[in-house]
């Protein structure tokens, strides 16, 4: 019988803490850009102020979407452990009453 190989540490997904850290960095960068858009909207004269305002209005939505996208989509699926055999339910035993009915 062939021994199943152990899962490689490189094939495991990121830990929840590491994934959360990556998402927070992405979200923080996007929100920093939003703050810059708000500052630029105050400094730019005329109707050009509408361009950074539109960015500041829609950027929170895109920031959440970008932050929630999977960090590593190209990773290999986690390998499942091998050799697991499902248990079959026990067969019901015939009682003595069943045996007496037979001739």
PDB file of N, CA and C in Angstrom:
ATOM      1  N   UNK A   1       0.850  -1.176   0.000  1.00  0.00           N
ATOM      2  CA  UNK A   1       0.000   0.000   0.000  1.00  0.00           C
ATOM      3  C   UNK A   1       0.894   1.236   0.000  1.00  0.00           C
ATOM      4  N   UNK A   2       0.557   2.193  -0.846  1.00  0.00           N
ATOM      5  CA  UNK A   2       1.343   3.402  -0.983  1.00  0.00           C
ATOM      6  C   UNK A   2       1.016   4.366   0.154  1.00  0.00           C
ATOM      7  N   UNK A   3       2.067   4.876   0.803  1.00  0.00           N
ATOM      8  CA  UNK A   3       1.873   5.791   1.915  1.00  0.00           C
ATOM      9  C   UNK A   3       1.512   7.178   1.373  1.00  0.00           C
ATOM     10  N   UNK A   4       0.418   7.799   1.880  1.00  0.00           N
ATOM     11  CA  UNK A   4       0.045   9.123   1.380  1.00  0.00           C
ATOM     12  C   UNK A   4       1.073  10.162   1.803  1.00  0.00           C
ATOM     13  N   UNK A   5       1.295  11.135   0.924  1.00  0.00           N
ATOM     14  CA  UNK A   5       2.263  12.178   1.252  1.00  0.00           C
ATOM     15  C   UNK A   5       1.640  13.198   2.189  1.00  0.00           C
ATOM     16  N   UNK A   6       2.465  13.757   3.043  1.00  0.00           N
ATOM     17  CA  UNK A   6       2.001  14.767   3.992  1.00  0.00           C
ATOM     18  C   UNK A   6       1.810  16.095   3.270  1.00  0.00           C
ATOM     19  N   UNK A   7       0.866  16.912   3.719  1.00  0.00           N
ATOM     20  CA  UNK A   7       0.666  18.210   3.082  1.00  0.00           C
ATOM     21  C   UNK A   7       1.906  19.086   3.251  1.00  0.00           C
ATOM     22  N   UNK A   8       2.248  19.799   2.222  1.00  0.00           N
ATOM     23  CA  UNK A   8       3.385  20.709   2.268  1.00  0.00           C
ATOM     24  C   UNK A   8       2.969  21.996   2.944  1.00  0.00           C
ATOM     25  N   UNK A   9       3.865  22.569   3.725  1.00  0.00           N
ATOM     26  CA  UNK A   9       3.551  23.820   4.412  1.00  0.00           C
ATOM     27  C   UNK A   9       3.307  24.946   3.413  1.00  0.00           C
ATOM     28  N   UNK A  10       3.893  24.849   2.235  1.00  0.00           N
ATOM     29  CA  UNK A  10       3.684  25.891   1.233  1.00  0.00           C
ATOM     30  C   UNK A  10       2.326  25.784   0.558  1.00  0.00           C
ATOM     31  N   UNK A  11       1.646  24.659   0.686  1.00  0.00           N
ATOM     32  CA  UNK A  11       0.338  24.516   0.059  1.00  0.00           C
ATOM     33  C   UNK A  11      -0.795  24.934   0.992  1.00  0.00           C
ATOM     34  N   UNK A  12      -0.468  25.292   2.229  1.00  0.00           N
ATOM     35  CA  UNK A  12      -1.495  25.707   3.175  1.00  0.00           C
ATOM     36  C   UNK A  12      -1.854  27.166   2.956  1.00  0.00           C
ATOM     37  N   UNK A  13      -3.102  27.547   3.214  1.00  0.00           N
ATOM     38  CA  UNK A  13      -3.491  28.957   3.041  1.00  0.00           C
ATOM     39  C   UNK A  13      -2.866  29.834   4.124  1.00  0.00           C
ATOM     40  N   UNK A  14      -2.963  31.145   3.932  1.00  0.00           N
ATOM     41  CA  UNK A  14      -2.452  32.078   4.934  1.00  0.00           C
ATOM     42  C   UNK A  14      -3.240  31.945   6.231  1.00  0.00           C
ATOM     43  N   UNK A  15      -2.586  32.249   7.325  1.00  0.00           N
ATOM     44  CA  UNK A  15      -3.286  32.229   8.610  1.00  0.00           C
ATOM     45  C   UNK A  15      -4.299  33.369   8.624  1.00  0.00           C
ATOM     46  N   UNK A  16      -5.342  33.254   9.426  1.00  0.00           N
ATOM     47  CA  UNK A  16      -6.336  34.336   9.481  1.00  0.00           C
ATOM     48  C   UNK A  16      -5.728  35.683   9.878  1.00  0.00           C
ATOM     49  N   UNK A  17      -4.749  35.678  10.769  1.00  0.00           N
ATOM     50  CA  UNK A  17      -4.113  36.934  11.171  1.00  0.00           C
ATOM     51  C   UNK A  17      -3.352  37.565  10.011  1.00  0.00           C
ATOM     52  N   UNK A  18      -2.630  36.752   9.258  1.00  0.00           N
ATOM     53  CA  UNK A  18      -1.868  37.265   8.119  1.00  0.00           C
ATOM     54  C   UNK A  18      -2.804  37.774   7.028  1.00  0.00           C
ATOM     55  N   UNK A  19      -3.898  37.063   6.780  1.00  0.00           N
ATOM     56  CA  UNK A  19      -4.866  37.496   5.766  1.00  0.00           C
ATOM     57  C   UNK A  19      -5.516  38.816   6.178  1.00  0.00           C
ATOM     58  N   UNK A  20      -5.861  38.930   7.456  1.00  0.00           N
ATOM     59  CA  UNK A  20      -6.462  40.160   7.967  1.00  0.00           C
ATOM     60  C   UNK A  20      -5.485  41.331   7.824  1.00  0.00           C
ATOM     61  N   UNK A  21      -4.218  41.090   8.081  1.00  0.00           N
ATOM     62  CA  UNK A  21      -3.195  42.125   7.947  1.00  0.00           C
ATOM     63  C   UNK A  21      -3.120  42.634   6.504  1.00  0.00           C
ATOM     64  N   UNK A  22      -3.142  41.715   5.546  1.00  0.00           N
ATOM     65  CA  UNK A  22      -3.102  42.097   4.132  1.00  0.00           C
ATOM     66  C   UNK A  22      -4.333  42.931   3.760  1.00  0.00           C
ATOM     67  N   UNK A  23      -5.497  42.513   4.244  1.00  0.00           N
ATOM     68  CA  UNK A  23      -6.718  43.254   3.931  1.00  0.00           C
ATOM     69  C   UNK A  23      -6.703  44.648   4.541  1.00  0.00           C
ATOM     70  N   UNK A  24      -6.207  44.764   5.766  1.00  0.00           N
ATOM     71  CA  UNK A  24      -6.146  46.067   6.430  1.00  0.00           C
ATOM     72  C   UNK A  24      -5.188  47.013   5.709  1.00  0.00           C
ATOM     73  N   UNK A  25      -4.086  46.485   5.200  1.00  0.00           N
ATOM     74  CA  UNK A  25      -3.138  47.325   4.450  1.00  0.00           C
ATOM     75  C   UNK A  25      -3.804  47.854   3.179  1.00  0.00           C
ATOM     76  N   UNK A  26      -4.481  46.972   2.439  1.00  0.00           N
ATOM     77  CA  UNK A  26      -5.168  47.400   1.215  1.00  0.00           C
ATOM     78  C   UNK A  26      -6.220  48.466   1.517  1.00  0.00           C
ATOM     79  N   UNK A  27      -7.003  48.237   2.564  1.00  0.00           N
ATOM     80  CA  UNK A  27      -8.063  49.181   2.912  1.00  0.00           C
ATOM     81  C   UNK A  27      -7.479  50.513   3.376  1.00  0.00           C
ATOM     82  N   UNK A  28      -6.412  50.470   4.152  1.00  0.00           N
ATOM     83  CA  UNK A  28      -5.784  51.703   4.643  1.00  0.00           C
ATOM     84  C   UNK A  28      -5.206  52.535   3.500  1.00  0.00           C
ATOM     85  N   UNK A  29      -4.615  51.874   2.529  1.00  0.00           N
ATOM     86  CA  UNK A  29      -4.072  52.597   1.370  1.00  0.00           C
ATOM     87  C   UNK A  29      -5.214  53.272   0.607  1.00  0.00           C
ATOM     88  N   UNK A  30      -6.299  52.563   0.389  1.00  0.00           N
ATOM     89  CA  UNK A  30      -7.433  53.137  -0.341  1.00  0.00           C
ATOM     90  C   UNK A  30      -8.046  54.307   0.421  1.00  0.00           C
ATOM     91  N   UNK A  31      -8.157  54.200   1.727  1.00  0.00           N
ATOM     92  CA  UNK A  31      -8.724  55.295   2.508  1.00  0.00           C
ATOM     93  C   UNK A  31      -7.769  56.487   2.577  1.00  0.00           C
ATOM     94  N   UNK A  32      -6.476  56.236   2.508  1.00  0.00           N
ATOM     95  CA  UNK A  32      -5.502  57.335   2.444  1.00  0.00           C
ATOM     96  C   UNK A  32      -5.658  58.094   1.128  1.00  0.00           C
ATOM     97  N   UNK A  33      -5.891  57.368   0.058  1.00  0.00           N
ATOM     98  CA  UNK A  33      -6.134  58.014  -1.239  1.00  0.00           C
ATOM     99  C   UNK A  33      -7.419  58.842  -1.172  1.00  0.00           C
ATOM    100  N   UNK A  34      -8.405  58.369  -0.434  1.00  0.00           N
ATOM    101  CA  UNK A  34      -9.659  59.119  -0.293  1.00  0.00           C
ATOM    102  C   UNK A  34      -9.417  60.435   0.444  1.00  0.00           C
ATOM    103  N   UNK A  35      -8.608  60.405   1.479  1.00  0.00           N
ATOM    104  CA  UNK A  35      -8.286  61.634   2.214  1.00  0.00           C
ATOM    105  C   UNK A  35      -7.577  62.622   1.293  1.00  0.00           C
ATOM    106  N   UNK A  36      -6.654  62.112   0.480  1.00  0.00           N
ATOM    107  CA  UNK A  36      -5.963  62.979  -0.482  1.00  0.00           C
ATOM    108  C   UNK A  36      -6.969  63.571  -1.460  1.00  0.00           C
ATOM    109  N   UNK A  37      -7.937  62.770  -1.908  1.00  0.00           N
ATOM    110  CA  UNK A  37      -8.975  63.284  -2.825  1.00  0.00           C
ATOM    111  C   UNK A  37      -9.775  64.408  -2.165  1.00  0.00           C
ATOM    112  N   UNK A  38     -10.105  64.269  -0.901  1.00  0.00           N
ATOM    113  CA  UNK A  38     -10.856  65.318  -0.203  1.00  0.00           C
ATOM    114  C   UNK A  38     -10.035  66.595  -0.072  1.00  0.00           C
ATOM    115  N   UNK A  39      -8.761  66.474   0.230  1.00  0.00           N
ATOM    116  CA  UNK A  39      -7.893  67.647   0.341  1.00  0.00           C
ATOM    117  C   UNK A  39      -7.739  68.332  -1.013  1.00  0.00           C
ATOM    118  N   UNK A  40      -7.546  67.536  -2.057  1.00  0.00           N
ATOM    119  CA  UNK A  40      -7.408  68.099  -3.409  1.00  0.00           C
ATOM    120  C   UNK A  40      -8.706  68.778  -3.831  1.00  0.00           C
ATOM    121  N   UNK A  41      -9.854  68.237  -3.460  1.00  0.00           N
ATOM    122  CA  UNK A  41     -11.141  68.836  -3.822  1.00  0.00           C
ATOM    123  C   UNK A  41     -11.298  70.223  -3.209  1.00  0.00           C
ATOM    124  N   UNK A  42     -10.738  70.427  -2.032  1.00  0.00           N
ATOM    125  CA  UNK A  42     -10.816  71.737  -1.387  1.00  0.00           C
ATOM    126  C   UNK A  42      -9.852  72.715  -2.052  1.00  0.00           C
ATOM    127  N   UNK A  43      -8.710  72.226  -2.509  1.00  0.00           N
ATOM    128  CA  UNK A  43      -7.675  73.097  -3.064  1.00  0.00           C
ATOM    129  C   UNK A  43      -7.887  73.443  -4.535  1.00  0.00           C
ATOM    130  N   UNK A  44      -8.559  72.596  -5.290  1.00  0.00           N
ATOM    131  CA  UNK A  44      -8.730  72.814  -6.728  1.00  0.00           C
ATOM    132  C   UNK A  44      -9.919  73.753  -6.948  1.00  0.00           C
ATOM    133  N   UNK A  45      -9.722  74.792  -7.753  1.00  0.00           N
ATOM    134  CA  UNK A  45     -10.829  75.738  -7.990  1.00  0.00           C
ATOM    135  C   UNK A  45     -11.777  75.252  -9.095  1.00  0.00           C
ATOM    136  N   UNK A  46     -12.995  75.733  -9.035  1.00  0.00           N
ATOM    137  CA  UNK A  46     -13.954  75.502 -10.108  1.00  0.00           C
ATOM    138  C   UNK A  46     -14.540  74.101 -10.123  1.00  0.00           C
ATOM    139  N   UNK A  47     -15.030  73.740 -11.317  1.00  0.00           N
ATOM    140  CA  UNK A  47     -15.709  72.450 -11.457  1.00  0.00           C
ATOM    141  C   UNK A  47     -14.741  71.284 -11.436  1.00  0.00           C
ATOM    142  N   UNK A  48     -13.424  71.548 -11.533  1.00  0.00           N
ATOM    143  CA  UNK A  48     -12.437  70.458 -11.432  1.00  0.00           C
ATOM    144  C   UNK A  48     -12.461  69.813 -10.043  1.00  0.00           C
ATOM    145  N   UNK A  49     -13.012  70.480  -9.079  1.00  0.00           N
ATOM    146  CA  UNK A  49     -13.119  69.912  -7.726  1.00  0.00           C
ATOM    147  C   UNK A  49     -14.060  68.707  -7.713  1.00  0.00           C
ATOM    148  N   UNK A  50     -14.926  68.608  -8.727  1.00  0.00           N
ATOM    149  CA  UNK A  50     -15.867  67.481  -8.781  1.00  0.00           C
ATOM    150  C   UNK A  50     -15.149  66.154  -9.035  1.00  0.00           C
ATOM    151  N   UNK A  51     -14.027  66.200  -9.753  1.00  0.00           N
ATOM    152  CA  UNK A  51     -13.308  64.948 -10.071  1.00  0.00           C
ATOM    153  C   UNK A  51     -12.800  64.264  -8.807  1.00  0.00           C
ATOM    154  N   UNK A  52     -12.058  64.944  -7.923  1.00  0.00           N
ATOM    155  CA  UNK A  52     -11.634  64.257  -6.700  1.00  0.00           C
ATOM    156  C   UNK A  52     -12.799  63.959  -5.746  1.00  0.00           C
ATOM    157  N   UNK A  53     -13.866  64.775  -5.807  1.00  0.00           N
ATOM    158  CA  UNK A  53     -15.038  64.487  -4.966  1.00  0.00           C
ATOM    159  C   UNK A  53     -15.710  63.180  -5.388  1.00  0.00           C
ATOM    160  N   UNK A  54     -15.817  62.949  -6.675  1.00  0.00           N
ATOM    161  CA  UNK A  54     -16.393  61.685  -7.165  1.00  0.00           C
ATOM    162  C   UNK A  54     -15.522  60.519  -6.692  1.00  0.00           C
ATOM    163  N   UNK A  55     -14.203  60.697  -6.771  1.00  0.00           N
ATOM    164  CA  UNK A  55     -13.303  59.655  -6.278  1.00  0.00           C
ATOM    165  C   UNK A  55     -13.479  59.416  -4.791  1.00  0.00           C
ATOM    166  N   UNK A  56     -13.658  60.495  -4.023  1.00  0.00           N
ATOM    167  CA  UNK A  56     -13.835  60.362  -2.575  1.00  0.00           C
ATOM    168  C   UNK A  56     -15.171  59.714  -2.223  1.00  0.00           C
ATOM    169  N   UNK A  57     -16.162  59.906  -3.077  1.00  0.00           N
ATOM    170  CA  UNK A  57     -17.479  59.315  -2.800  1.00  0.00           C
ATOM    171  C   UNK A  57     -17.493  57.819  -3.104  1.00  0.00           C
ATOM    172  N   UNK A  58     -16.912  57.418  -4.224  1.00  0.00           N
ATOM    173  CA  UNK A  58     -16.993  56.020  -4.636  1.00  0.00           C
ATOM    174  C   UNK A  58     -15.842  55.150  -4.121  1.00  0.00           C
ATOM    175  N   UNK A  59     -14.786  55.763  -3.646  1.00  0.00           N
ATOM    176  CA  UNK A  59     -13.618  54.987  -3.201  1.00  0.00           C
ATOM    177  C   UNK A  59     -13.901  54.059  -2.021  1.00  0.00           C
ATOM    178  N   UNK A  60     -14.738  54.424  -1.035  1.00  0.00           N
ATOM    179  CA  UNK A  60     -15.003  53.467   0.062  1.00  0.00           C
ATOM    180  C   UNK A  60     -15.582  52.136  -0.416  1.00  0.00           C
ATOM    181  N   UNK A  61     -16.483  52.187  -1.390  1.00  0.00           N
ATOM    182  CA  UNK A  61     -17.055  50.940  -1.927  1.00  0.00           C
ATOM    183  C   UNK A  61     -15.965  50.080  -2.553  1.00  0.00           C
ATOM    184  N   UNK A  62     -15.154  50.692  -3.405  1.00  0.00           N
ATOM    185  CA  UNK A  62     -14.094  49.933  -4.063  1.00  0.00           C
ATOM    186  C   UNK A  62     -13.038  49.464  -3.072  1.00  0.00           C
ATOM    187  N   UNK A  63     -12.819  50.237  -2.016  1.00  0.00           N
ATOM    188  CA  UNK A  63     -11.840  49.834  -1.001  1.00  0.00           C
ATOM    189  C   UNK A  63     -12.279  48.553  -0.297  1.00  0.00           C
ATOM    190  N   UNK A  64     -13.562  48.468   0.011  1.00  0.00           N
ATOM    191  CA  UNK A  64     -14.073  47.257   0.672  1.00  0.00           C
ATOM    192  C   UNK A  64     -14.007  46.065  -0.270  1.00  0.00           C
ATOM    193  N   UNK A  65     -14.378  46.277  -1.525  1.00  0.00           N
ATOM    194  CA  UNK A  65     -14.337  45.183  -2.499  1.00  0.00           C
ATOM    195  C   UNK A  65     -12.903  44.700  -2.701  1.00  0.00           C
ATOM    196  N   UNK A  66     -11.979  45.625  -2.863  1.00  0.00           N
ATOM    197  CA  UNK A  66     -10.577  45.252  -3.068  1.00  0.00           C
ATOM    198  C   UNK A  66     -10.007  44.559  -1.835  1.00  0.00           C
ATOM    199  N   UNK A  67     -10.362  45.043  -0.647  1.00  0.00           N
ATOM    200  CA  UNK A  67      -9.836  44.438   0.583  1.00  0.00           C
ATOM    201  C   UNK A  67     -10.356  43.025   0.794  1.00  0.00           C
ATOM    202  N   UNK A  68     -11.556  42.735   0.303  1.00  0.00           N
ATOM    203  CA  UNK A  68     -12.131  41.411   0.528  1.00  0.00           C
ATOM    204  C   UNK A  68     -11.814  40.400  -0.562  1.00  0.00           C
ATOM    205  N   UNK A  69     -11.101  40.807  -1.593  1.00  0.00           N
ATOM    206  CA  UNK A  69     -10.678  39.870  -2.624  1.00  0.00           C
ATOM    207  C   UNK A  69      -9.607  38.963  -2.027  1.00  0.00           C
ATOM    208  N   UNK A  70      -9.647  37.709  -2.403  1.00  0.00           N
ATOM    209  CA  UNK A  70      -8.685  36.743  -1.880  1.00  0.00           C
ATOM    210  C   UNK A  70      -7.259  37.204  -2.150  1.00  0.00           C
ATOM    211  N   UNK A  71      -6.385  36.986  -1.160  1.00  0.00           N
ATOM    212  CA  UNK A  71      -5.000  37.434  -1.253  1.00  0.00           C
ATOM    213  C   UNK A  71      -4.235  36.616  -2.278  1.00  0.00           C
ATOM    214  N   UNK A  72      -4.311  35.317  -2.184  1.00  0.00           N
ATOM    215  CA  UNK A  72      -3.552  34.418  -3.054  1.00  0.00           C
ATOM    216  C   UNK A  72      -4.516  33.524  -3.812  1.00  0.00           C
ATOM    217  N   UNK A  73      -4.873  33.904  -5.018  1.00  0.00           N
ATOM    218  CA  UNK A  73      -5.792  33.070  -5.783  1.00  0.00           C
ATOM    219  C   UNK A  73      -5.073  31.945  -6.499  1.00  0.00           C
ATOM    220  N   UNK A  74      -3.779  32.069  -6.727  1.00  0.00           N
ATOM    221  CA  UNK A  74      -3.040  31.072  -7.480  1.00  0.00           C
ATOM    222  C   UNK A  74      -2.494  29.943  -6.632  1.00  0.00           C
ATOM    223  N   UNK A  75      -2.831  29.921  -5.380  1.00  0.00           N
ATOM    224  CA  UNK A  75      -2.303  28.867  -4.510  1.00  0.00           C
ATOM    225  C   UNK A  75      -2.935  27.521  -4.823  1.00  0.00           C
ATOM    226  N   UNK A  76      -2.212  26.484  -4.483  1.00  0.00           N
ATOM    227  CA  UNK A  76      -2.694  25.124  -4.666  1.00  0.00           C
ATOM    228  C   UNK A  76      -3.697  24.828  -3.560  1.00  0.00           C
ATOM    229  N   UNK A  77      -4.706  24.038  -3.880  1.00  0.00           N
ATOM    230  CA  UNK A  77      -5.677  23.651  -2.862  1.00  0.00           C
ATOM    231  C   UNK A  77      -4.994  22.882  -1.753  1.00  0.00           C
ATOM    232  N   UNK A  78      -5.568  23.008  -0.563  1.00  0.00           N
ATOM    233  CA  UNK A  78      -5.036  22.290   0.581  1.00  0.00           C
ATOM    234  C   UNK A  78      -5.233  20.799   0.350  1.00  0.00           C
ATOM    235  N   UNK A  79      -4.194  20.031   0.600  1.00  0.00           N
ATOM    236  CA  UNK A  79      -4.290  18.588   0.410  1.00  0.00           C
ATOM    237  C   UNK A  79      -5.030  17.977   1.590  1.00  0.00           C
ATOM    238  N   UNK A  80      -5.919  17.097   1.289  1.00  0.00           N
ATOM    239  CA  UNK A  80      -6.685  16.422   2.330  1.00  0.00           C
ATOM    240  C   UNK A  80      -5.904  15.206   2.815  1.00  0.00           C
ATOM    241  N   UNK A  81      -6.067  14.870   4.086  1.00  0.00           N
ATOM    242  CA  UNK A  81      -5.367  13.686   4.578  1.00  0.00           C
ATOM    243  C   UNK A  81      -5.906  12.432   3.900  1.00  0.00           C
ATOM    244  N   UNK A  82      -5.040  11.481   3.657  1.00  0.00           N
ATOM    245  CA  UNK A  82      -5.449  10.255   2.991  1.00  0.00           C
ATOM    246  C   UNK A  82      -5.699   9.137   3.987  1.00  0.00           C
ATOM    247  N   UNK A  83      -6.240   8.086   3.501  1.00  0.00           N
ATOM    248  CA  UNK A  83      -6.433   6.896   4.321  1.00  0.00           C
ATOM    249  C   UNK A  83      -7.627   6.951   5.242  1.00  0.00           C
ATOM    250  N   UNK A  84      -8.512   7.882   5.077  1.00  0.00           N
ATOM    251  CA  UNK A  84      -9.693   7.940   5.923  1.00  0.00           C
ATOM    252  C   UNK A  84     -10.757   7.051   5.312  1.00  0.00           C
ATOM    253  N   UNK A  85     -11.205   6.106   6.082  1.00  0.00           N
ATOM    254  CA  UNK A  85     -12.213   5.163   5.607  1.00  0.00           C
ATOM    255  C   UNK A  85     -13.507   5.443   6.362  1.00  0.00           C
ATOM    256  N   UNK A  86     -14.595   5.709   5.664  1.00  0.00           N
ATOM    257  CA  UNK A  86     -15.843   5.968   6.373  1.00  0.00           C
ATOM    258  C   UNK A  86     -16.355   4.698   7.045  1.00  0.00           C
ATOM    259  N   UNK A  87     -16.901   4.881   8.219  1.00  0.00           N
ATOM    260  CA  UNK A  87     -17.457   3.744   8.946  1.00  0.00           C
ATOM    261  C   UNK A  87     -18.804   3.370   8.364  1.00  0.00           C
ATOM    262  N   UNK A  88     -19.035   2.083   8.255  1.00  0.00           N
ATOM    263  CA  UNK A  88     -20.346   1.622   7.809  1.00  0.00           C
ATOM    264  C   UNK A  88     -21.204   1.414   9.045  1.00  0.00           C
ATOM    265  N   UNK A  89     -22.486   1.738   8.963  1.00  0.00           N
ATOM    266  CA  UNK A  89     -23.333   1.548  10.139  1.00  0.00           C
ATOM    267  C   UNK A  89     -23.463   0.055  10.450  1.00  0.00           C
ATOM    268  N   UNK A  90     -23.520  -0.284  11.722  1.00  0.00           N
ATOM    269  CA  UNK A  90     -23.643  -1.705  12.084  1.00  0.00           C
ATOM    270  C   UNK A  90     -24.972  -2.272  11.600  1.00  0.00           C
ATOM    271  N   UNK A  91     -24.917  -3.519  11.154  1.00  0.00           N
ATOM    272  CA  UNK A  91     -26.120  -4.203  10.696  1.00  0.00           C
ATOM    273  C   UNK A  91     -26.944  -4.617  11.913  1.00  0.00           C
ATOM    274  N   UNK A  92     -28.257  -4.439  11.854  1.00  0.00           N
ATOM    275  CA  UNK A  92     -29.080  -4.832  13.015  1.00  0.00           C
ATOM    276  C   UNK A  92     -29.046  -6.350  13.201  1.00  0.00           C
ATOM    277  N   UNK A  93     -28.931  -6.746  14.428  1.00  0.00           N
ATOM    278  CA  UNK A  93     -28.923  -8.181  14.747  1.00  0.00           C
ATOM    279  C   UNK A  93     -30.348  -8.700  14.779  1.00  0.00           C
ATOM    280  N   UNK A  94     -30.458  -9.931  14.358  1.00  0.00           N
ATOM    281  CA  UNK A  94     -31.776 -10.554  14.435  1.00  0.00           C
ATOM    282  C   UNK A  94     -32.012 -11.010  15.867  1.00  0.00           C
ATOM    283  N   UNK A  95     -33.191 -10.747  16.344  1.00  0.00           N
ATOM    284  CA  UNK A  95     -33.505 -11.152  17.722  1.00  0.00           C
ATOM    285  C   UNK A  95     -33.919 -12.615  17.749  1.00  0.00           C
ATOM    286  N   UNK A  96     -34.013 -13.146  18.944  1.00  0.00           N
ATOM    287  CA  UNK A  96     -34.429 -14.550  19.117  1.00  0.00           C
ATOM    288  C   UNK A  96     -35.867 -14.750  18.662  1.00  0.00           C
ATOM    289  N   UNK A  97     -36.675 -13.716  18.755  1.00  0.00           N
ATOM    290  CA  UNK A  97     -38.077 -13.829  18.327  1.00  0.00           C
ATOM    291  C   UNK A  97     -38.153 -14.111  16.821  1.00  0.00           C
ATOM    292  N   UNK A  98     -37.263 -13.526  16.037  1.00  0.00           N
ATOM    293  CA  UNK A  98     -37.257 -13.733  14.603  1.00  0.00           C
ATOM    294  C   UNK A  98     -36.897 -15.191  14.280  1.00  0.00           C
ATOM    295  N   UNK A  99     -36.023 -15.766  15.051  1.00  0.00           N
ATOM    296  CA  UNK A  99     -35.570 -17.133  14.780  1.00  0.00           C
ATOM    297  C   UNK A  99     -36.653 -18.159  15.129  1.00  0.00           C
ATOM    298  N   UNK A 100     -37.487 -17.860  16.103  1.00  0.00           N
ATOM    299  CA  UNK A 100     -38.524 -18.808  16.515  1.00  0.00           C
ATOM    300  C   UNK A 100     -39.627 -18.929  15.495  1.00  0.00           C
ATOM    301  N   UNK A 101     -39.817 -17.887  14.670  1.00  0.00           N
ATOM    302  CA  UNK A 101     -40.878 -17.933  13.678  1.00  0.00           C
ATOM    303  C   UNK A 101     -40.572 -18.927  12.577  1.00  0.00           C
ATOM    304  N   UNK A 102     -39.346 -19.262  12.371  1.00  0.00           N
ATOM    305  CA  UNK A 102     -38.977 -20.165  11.297  1.00  0.00           C
ATOM    306  C   UNK A 102     -39.188 -21.615  11.736  1.00  0.00           C
ATOM    307  N   UNK A 103     -39.567 -22.479  10.804  1.00  0.00           N
ATOM    308  CA  UNK A 103     -39.779 -23.900  11.163  1.00  0.00           C
ATOM    309  C   UNK A 103     -38.488 -24.641  11.314  1.00  0.00           C
TER     310      UNK A 103
END
